[in-house]
Amino acid sequence: MPPPSSCLPTPTRPPLAALLPDLAGLTDSKKLTATKREALAPRIRQHAVAWGLGVVWPRDIERINILQATFHAMWRAVRFLRPGHAARDGANVSGWAPAPLADLHGLPSVSVKFDLSDVPLIIDGDKTIPAAVFAGQQPCPARMPPAHAPGSAPMQRAVVGGDALVPAVSAASILAKTFRDQLMTALDRRFPGYGLAVHKGYGTAEHMTAIAERGPCPQHRATFRGVRPEPPQTQGTLL
């Protein structure tokens, strides 16, 4: 649901963890416990040149499909980049001038305008954001947006496995997962009985059983298999 964007200082020689001891342990967010991610998230926001979150809600996902919704969430994360403490202080806490490198991890914030004309966006995965999305065009599920729209999109580079390879992508992914966990905990209080605070929205056996017994809540995607009502199966005959 919520892809983030983050910019971290990018030293040329010392490893990031050595330069910024507060970020020691920064790695693929999937390899970190929720407790470790919660500890790192405020430190990332402290050292970040900029960071942002973009959210796309279930009804929009159903309207434009999951891939297009992902593109739009990434675009919103970039559009609403907010300066981190390092940028507000004019430099990061270690005294290094922050470098303008933005990284995305394929999820609301204040609007701060950044000049992205010379900022490469590193996307976690094998796809980049279509230019039409940056131009503000609404995607059509049956038709891919134009591949090129000169002047409407910044430079981009897709990195498969970027969460484990690029520190700023790892940082962005940690911000996304901590936001998701907080959101799922809030939704669990609003829609109890589904275990959202425990499984965080994943299709576990317990989650699917709760949907079958209670029916979906407004935050479930009604078109998703296992949520939508399935037609009764009839036994065929050879006669």
Protein backbone atom coordinates (compact mmCIF):
# COMPACT_ATOMS: atom_id res chain seq x y z
CA MET A 1 0.00 0.00 0.00
CA PRO A 2 2.53 2.64 0.98
CA PRO A 3 5.74 3.00 -1.02
CA PRO A 4 8.14 5.57 0.41
CA SER A 5 10.89 7.75 -0.87
CA SER A 6 14.04 8.66 1.00
CA CYS A 7 17.30 10.49 0.36
CA LEU A 8 20.33 9.63 2.45
CA PRO A 9 23.80 11.15 2.44
CA THR A 10 25.97 9.18 0.00
CA PRO A 11 29.65 9.14 1.03
CA THR A 12 32.13 8.03 -1.61
CA ARG A 13 34.51 5.99 0.55
CA PRO A 14 33.40 5.11 4.10
CA PRO A 15 30.47 2.68 4.34
CA LEU A 16 27.22 4.29 5.37
CA ALA A 17 27.07 2.42 8.68
CA ALA A 18 30.56 3.68 9.61
CA LEU A 19 29.74 7.25 8.61
CA LEU A 20 26.40 7.25 10.44
CA PRO A 21 26.63 4.92 13.46
CA ASP A 22 22.97 5.53 14.24
CA LEU A 23 22.11 3.57 11.07
CA ALA A 24 24.21 0.52 11.89
CA GLY A 25 22.18 -2.56 11.01
CA LEU A 26 20.50 -0.92 8.03
CA THR A 27 19.77 -3.70 5.57
CA ASP A 28 16.96 -5.42 3.67
CA SER A 29 13.86 -4.50 5.66
CA LYS A 30 12.47 -8.02 5.28
CA LYS A 31 15.42 -9.35 7.28
CA LEU A 32 14.79 -7.02 10.22
CA THR A 33 12.38 -7.56 13.06
CA ALA A 34 9.56 -5.07 13.60
CA THR A 35 11.35 -3.90 16.76
CA LYS A 36 14.55 -3.19 14.85
CA ARG A 37 12.66 -1.35 12.10
CA GLU A 38 10.88 0.78 14.70
CA ALA A 39 14.25 1.69 16.22
CA LEU A 40 15.77 2.61 12.85
CA ALA A 41 12.83 4.62 11.45
CA PRO A 42 13.31 7.82 13.53
CA ARG A 43 17.07 7.66 12.91
CA ILE A 44 16.46 7.45 9.17
CA ARG A 45 14.22 10.50 9.32
CA GLN A 46 16.92 12.24 11.38
CA HIS A 47 19.72 11.63 8.88
CA ALA A 48 17.68 11.82 5.68
CA VAL A 49 18.09 14.73 3.31
CA ALA A 50 14.42 14.15 2.44
CA TRP A 51 11.78 11.48 2.82
CA GLY A 52 8.17 10.95 1.79
CA LEU A 53 5.30 8.49 1.86
CA GLY A 54 2.55 7.89 -0.69
CA VAL A 55 -0.64 5.97 0.00
CA VAL A 56 -3.14 4.43 -2.41
CA TRP A 57 -6.34 3.11 -0.83
CA PRO A 58 -8.25 -0.11 -1.67
CA ARG A 59 -10.95 1.48 -3.85
CA ASP A 60 -8.32 3.10 -6.05
CA ILE A 61 -6.41 -0.19 -6.31
CA GLU A 62 -9.58 -1.89 -7.50
CA ARG A 63 -10.20 0.89 -10.01
CA ILE A 64 -6.76 1.03 -11.66
CA ASN A 65 -5.15 -2.33 -10.66
CA ILE A 66 -2.27 -3.03 -8.28
CA LEU A 67 0.57 -2.19 -10.68
CA GLN A 68 -0.80 1.22 -11.65
CA ALA A 69 -1.63 1.91 -7.99
CA THR A 70 1.99 1.14 -7.10
CA PHE A 71 3.22 3.62 -9.71
CA HIS A 72 0.91 6.31 -8.33
CA ALA A 73 1.95 5.63 -4.73
CA MET A 74 5.61 6.02 -5.76
CA TRP A 75 4.79 9.26 -7.57
CA ARG A 76 3.01 10.61 -4.49
CA ALA A 77 6.00 9.70 -2.31
CA VAL A 78 8.27 11.73 -4.59
CA ARG A 79 5.79 14.58 -4.98
CA PHE A 80 5.45 15.00 -1.22
CA LEU A 81 9.10 14.67 -0.22
CA ARG A 82 9.68 16.51 3.03
CA PRO A 83 13.12 17.63 4.24
CA GLY A 84 14.74 15.51 6.91
CA HIS A 85 16.57 16.95 9.89
CA ALA A 86 19.84 16.82 7.93
CA ALA A 87 18.47 19.12 5.24
CA ARG A 88 16.89 21.49 7.74
CA ASP A 89 20.22 21.73 9.56
CA GLY A 90 22.09 22.33 6.29
CA ALA A 91 24.15 19.15 6.63
CA ASN A 92 23.86 15.70 8.15
CA VAL A 93 24.81 15.21 11.78
CA SER A 94 28.21 13.77 10.85
CA GLY A 95 29.19 17.00 9.13
CA TRP A 96 28.98 15.69 5.55
CA ALA A 97 27.09 17.76 2.99
CA PRO A 98 23.95 15.82 2.00
CA ALA A 99 23.87 14.49 -1.55
CA PRO A 100 20.64 14.74 -3.60
CA LEU A 101 20.00 11.06 -4.29
CA ALA A 102 16.37 9.88 -4.05
CA ASP A 103 15.50 6.21 -3.69
CA LEU A 104 12.12 4.53 -3.84
CA HIS A 105 10.76 1.23 -2.69
CA GLY A 106 7.90 0.38 -4.98
CA LEU A 107 3.04 4.71 0.66
CA PRO A 108 0.36 11.34 3.77
CA SER A 109 2.79 14.20 4.23
CA VAL A 110 3.26 17.96 3.84
CA SER A 111 4.03 19.28 0.38
CA VAL A 112 7.63 20.43 -0.10
CA LYS A 113 8.91 21.29 -3.56
CA PHE A 114 12.19 19.69 -4.58
CA ASP A 115 13.89 20.16 -7.94
CA LEU A 116 14.04 16.60 -9.29
CA SER A 117 15.35 17.51 -12.74
CA ASP A 118 18.84 16.21 -11.91
CA VAL A 119 17.94 13.70 -9.20
CA PRO A 120 18.04 10.02 -10.17
CA LEU A 121 15.27 7.93 -8.65
CA ILE A 122 16.34 4.41 -7.76
CA ILE A 123 13.32 2.10 -7.90
CA ASP A 124 13.31 -1.20 -6.03
CA GLY A 125 12.28 -3.76 -8.65
CA ASP A 126 12.33 -4.16 -12.41
CA LYS A 127 10.01 -1.30 -13.44
CA THR A 128 10.24 2.50 -13.42
CA ILE A 129 7.41 5.00 -12.99
CA PRO A 130 5.74 5.79 -16.35
CA ALA A 131 6.18 9.38 -17.49
CA ALA A 132 2.41 9.76 -17.79
CA VAL A 133 2.08 9.20 -14.04
CA PHE A 134 4.49 12.05 -13.31
CA ALA A 135 2.45 14.17 -15.72
CA GLY A 136 -0.59 13.57 -13.52
CA GLN A 137 -2.51 11.44 -16.03
CA GLN A 138 -4.91 8.86 -14.66
CA PRO A 139 -3.89 5.35 -15.77
CA CYS A 140 -6.18 3.03 -17.65
CA PRO A 141 -6.01 -0.65 -16.60
CA ALA A 142 -6.49 -1.78 -20.21
CA ARG A 143 -3.82 0.48 -21.70
CA MET A 144 -0.31 1.21 -20.52
CA PRO A 145 0.65 4.90 -20.38
CA PRO A 146 3.10 6.20 -23.02
CA ALA A 147 6.64 5.02 -22.39
CA HIS A 148 8.12 8.46 -22.98
CA ALA A 149 6.79 11.92 -22.21
CA PRO A 150 9.75 14.34 -22.55
CA GLY A 151 10.24 16.66 -19.61
CA SER A 152 7.58 15.11 -17.38
CA ALA A 153 9.67 12.60 -15.42
CA PRO A 154 13.03 12.68 -13.64
CA MET A 155 15.81 10.21 -14.32
CA GLN A 156 15.08 6.72 -13.01
CA ARG A 157 16.88 3.42 -12.57
CA ALA A 158 15.30 0.12 -11.57
CA VAL A 159 17.38 -2.11 -9.28
CA VAL A 160 16.17 -5.66 -8.72
CA GLY A 161 16.76 -6.53 -5.07
CA GLY A 162 17.49 -2.88 -4.30
CA ASP A 163 16.23 -3.32 -0.74
CA ALA A 164 19.34 -5.38 0.01
CA LEU A 165 21.76 -3.53 -2.29
CA VAL A 166 21.14 0.22 -1.88
CA PRO A 167 21.15 1.67 1.66
CA ALA A 168 18.65 4.43 0.82
CA VAL A 169 16.26 1.84 -0.62
CA SER A 170 16.60 -0.17 2.58
CA ALA A 171 15.84 2.99 4.54
CA ALA A 172 12.81 3.77 2.39
CA SER A 173 11.50 0.24 2.82
CA ILE A 174 11.87 0.49 6.59
CA LEU A 175 9.84 3.73 6.59
CA ALA A 176 7.16 2.00 4.50
CA LYS A 177 6.91 -1.05 6.74
CA THR A 178 6.80 0.93 9.99
CA PHE A 179 4.05 3.13 8.55
CA ARG A 180 2.15 0.05 7.37
CA ASP A 181 2.42 -1.56 10.80
CA GLN A 182 1.10 1.58 12.50
CA LEU A 183 -1.72 1.83 9.96
CA MET A 184 -2.70 -1.82 10.42
CA THR A 185 -2.74 -1.38 14.20
CA ALA A 186 -5.04 1.65 13.84
CA LEU A 187 -7.30 -0.24 11.41
CA ASP A 188 -7.43 -3.18 13.83
CA ARG A 189 -8.93 -0.89 16.47
CA ARG A 190 -11.48 0.40 13.96
CA PHE A 191 -12.29 -3.00 12.46
CA PRO A 192 -11.66 -5.57 15.22
CA GLY A 193 -11.92 -9.29 14.72
CA TYR A 194 -9.67 -9.66 11.66
CA GLY A 195 -6.31 -9.66 13.43
CA LEU A 196 -4.95 -6.82 11.29
CA ALA A 197 -2.51 -5.74 14.01
CA VAL A 198 -1.00 -9.24 14.01
CA HIS A 199 -0.77 -10.33 10.37
CA LYS A 200 -0.57 -6.76 9.00
CA GLY A 201 -3.04 -7.46 6.20
CA TYR A 202 -1.35 -10.52 4.73
CA GLY A 203 -3.53 -13.39 3.60
CA THR A 204 -2.80 -15.74 6.48
CA ALA A 205 -5.11 -18.66 7.24
CA GLU A 206 -6.44 -16.80 10.28
CA HIS A 207 -7.13 -13.69 8.21
CA MET A 208 -8.97 -15.58 5.48
CA THR A 209 -11.01 -17.49 8.07
CA ALA A 210 -12.07 -14.21 9.70
CA ILE A 211 -13.17 -12.83 6.32
CA ALA A 212 -15.17 -15.99 5.62
CA GLU A 213 -16.86 -15.82 9.01
CA ARG A 214 -17.40 -12.06 9.34
CA GLY A 215 -17.41 -10.88 5.75
CA PRO A 216 -14.96 -8.22 4.48
CA CYS A 217 -14.56 -4.84 6.16
CA PRO A 218 -14.46 -1.57 4.14
CA GLN A 219 -10.66 -1.76 3.91
CA HIS A 220 -10.66 -5.14 2.17
CA ARG A 221 -10.40 -5.27 -1.61
CA ALA A 222 -13.76 -6.74 -2.61
CA THR A 223 -12.38 -7.91 -5.98
CA PHE A 224 -9.50 -9.84 -4.41
CA ARG A 225 -9.68 -13.62 -4.56
CA GLY A 226 -10.68 -14.97 -1.16
CA VAL A 227 -12.55 -11.76 -0.34
CA ARG A 228 -15.04 -11.61 -3.18
CA PRO A 229 -17.94 -14.08 -2.94
CA GLU A 230 -17.23 -17.16 -5.05
CA PRO A 231 -20.06 -18.67 -7.12
CA PRO A 232 -21.21 -22.08 -5.91
CA GLN A 233 -19.54 -24.99 -7.67
CA THR A 234 -21.83 -27.47 -9.46
CA GLN A 235 -20.98 -31.08 -10.13
CA GLY A 236 -20.89 -31.85 -13.84
CA THR A 237 -22.15 -35.03 -15.47
CA LEU A 238 -20.95 -37.20 -18.30
CA LEU A 239 -24.51 -38.15 -19.30
